[in-house]
Amino acid sequence: MRIKVDRESDALYFRLDESRIVESEEVRPGVILDFDENDRVVGVEFLEISRRATQEELSNMRFQTA
């Protein structure tokens, strides 16, 4: 999995695997899902991330596993 913060486009992107993206859908304003050929979600993009999180929050992401 990859996580990318793009300050220029003000977006946060989670890439779950490297499958080829065949379709994207904006499911809520500023939330885009990327789908592979099997209709599985392989990426999630959040636009206008500076409105959703502070720079400190983006700099200190924590991962939690069960």
C-alpha atoms as a PDB file:
ATOM      1  CA  MET A   1       0.000   0.000   0.000  1.00  0.00           C
ATOM      2  CA  ARG A   2       1.179   3.508  -0.804  1.00  0.00           C
ATOM      3  CA  ILE A   3       0.074   6.822   0.658  1.00  0.00           C
ATOM      4  CA  LYS A   4       0.776  10.083  -1.116  1.00  0.00           C
ATOM      5  CA  VAL A   5       0.137  13.642  -0.012  1.00  0.00           C
ATOM      6  CA  ASP A   6       0.170  15.955  -3.021  1.00  0.00           C
ATOM      7  CA  ARG A   7       0.406  19.506  -1.717  1.00  0.00           C
ATOM      8  CA  GLU A   8       0.195  21.008  -5.211  1.00  0.00           C
ATOM      9  CA  SER A   9      -3.189  19.423  -5.952  1.00  0.00           C
ATOM     10  CA  ASP A  10      -4.212  19.458  -2.253  1.00  0.00           C
ATOM     11  CA  ALA A  11      -4.996  15.749  -2.263  1.00  0.00           C
ATOM     12  CA  LEU A  12      -4.347  12.632  -0.194  1.00  0.00           C
ATOM     13  CA  TYR A  13      -4.208   9.311  -2.060  1.00  0.00           C
ATOM     14  CA  PHE A  14      -4.246   5.755  -0.714  1.00  0.00           C
ATOM     15  CA  ARG A  15      -3.214   3.150  -3.290  1.00  0.00           C
ATOM     16  CA  LEU A  16      -4.195  -0.295  -2.017  1.00  0.00           C
ATOM     17  CA  ASP A  17      -2.493  -2.350  -4.743  1.00  0.00           C
ATOM     18  CA  GLU A  18      -0.919  -1.937  -8.166  1.00  0.00           C
ATOM     19  CA  SER A  19      -3.816  -3.254 -10.259  1.00  0.00           C
ATOM     20  CA  ARG A  20      -4.621  -1.239 -13.356  1.00  0.00           C
ATOM     21  CA  ILE A  21      -7.295   1.386 -12.736  1.00  0.00           C
ATOM     22  CA  VAL A  22     -10.149   1.074 -15.232  1.00  0.00           C
ATOM     23  CA  GLU A  23     -12.731   3.383 -13.653  1.00  0.00           C
ATOM     24  CA  SER A  24     -12.975   6.139 -11.072  1.00  0.00           C
ATOM     25  CA  GLU A  25     -16.073   7.399  -9.310  1.00  0.00           C
ATOM     26  CA  GLU A  26     -16.623  10.388  -7.041  1.00  0.00           C
ATOM     27  CA  VAL A  27     -18.764   8.815  -4.308  1.00  0.00           C
ATOM     28  CA  ARG A  28     -19.033  11.953  -2.173  1.00  0.00           C
ATOM     29  CA  PRO A  29     -17.875  15.495  -2.873  1.00  0.00           C
ATOM     30  CA  GLY A  30     -14.072  15.297  -2.918  1.00  0.00           C
ATOM     31  CA  VAL A  31     -13.856  11.509  -2.353  1.00  0.00           C
ATOM     32  CA  ILE A  32     -12.891   9.450  -5.395  1.00  0.00           C
ATOM     33  CA  LEU A  33     -12.651   5.671  -5.578  1.00  0.00           C
ATOM     34  CA  ASP A  34     -10.509   3.943  -8.209  1.00  0.00           C
ATOM     35  CA  PHE A  35     -11.615   0.499  -9.415  1.00  0.00           C
ATOM     36  CA  ASP A  36      -9.773  -2.328 -11.176  1.00  0.00           C
ATOM     37  CA  GLU A  37     -11.178  -4.580 -13.906  1.00  0.00           C
ATOM     38  CA  ASN A  38     -12.828  -6.812 -11.261  1.00  0.00           C
ATOM     39  CA  ASP A  39     -14.690  -3.818  -9.775  1.00  0.00           C
ATOM     40  CA  ARG A  40     -12.506  -3.866  -6.643  1.00  0.00           C
ATOM     41  CA  VAL A  41     -11.429  -0.617  -5.011  1.00  0.00           C
ATOM     42  CA  VAL A  42      -7.686  -0.178  -5.527  1.00  0.00           C
ATOM     43  CA  GLY A  43      -7.348   3.501  -4.614  1.00  0.00           C
ATOM     44  CA  VAL A  44      -9.034   6.228  -2.602  1.00  0.00           C
ATOM     45  CA  GLU A  45      -8.390   9.934  -3.136  1.00  0.00           C
ATOM     46  CA  PHE A  46      -9.445  12.790  -0.890  1.00  0.00           C
ATOM     47  CA  LEU A  47      -9.469  16.242  -2.478  1.00  0.00           C
ATOM     48  CA  GLU A  48      -9.088  19.576  -0.642  1.00  0.00           C
ATOM     49  CA  ILE A  49      -7.233  17.767   2.123  1.00  0.00           C
ATOM     50  CA  SER A  50      -6.111  21.053   3.698  1.00  0.00           C
ATOM     51  CA  ARG A  51      -9.767  21.635   4.625  1.00  0.00           C
ATOM     52  CA  ARG A  52     -10.023  18.166   6.184  1.00  0.00           C
ATOM     53  CA  ALA A  53      -6.764  17.945   8.170  1.00  0.00           C
ATOM     54  CA  THR A  54      -4.059  20.218   9.515  1.00  0.00           C
ATOM     55  CA  GLN A  55      -0.471  20.055   8.261  1.00  0.00           C
ATOM     56  CA  GLU A  56       0.499  18.583  11.639  1.00  0.00           C
ATOM     57  CA  GLU A  57      -2.076  15.797  11.283  1.00  0.00           C
ATOM     58  CA  LEU A  58      -0.830  15.000   7.785  1.00  0.00           C
ATOM     59  CA  SER A  59       2.778  14.961   9.007  1.00  0.00           C
ATOM     60  CA  ASN A  60       1.999  12.591  11.886  1.00  0.00           C
ATOM     61  CA  MET A  61      -0.136   9.864  10.347  1.00  0.00           C
ATOM     62  CA  ARG A  62      -0.441   6.776  12.504  1.00  0.00           C
ATOM     63  CA  PHE A  63      -1.307   3.296  11.347  1.00  0.00           C
ATOM     64  CA  GLN A  64      -3.300   0.926  13.478  1.00  0.00           C
ATOM     65  CA  THR A  65      -3.595  -2.793  12.893  1.00  0.00           C
ATOM     66  CA  ALA A  66      -5.872  -5.162  14.749  1.00  0.00           C
END
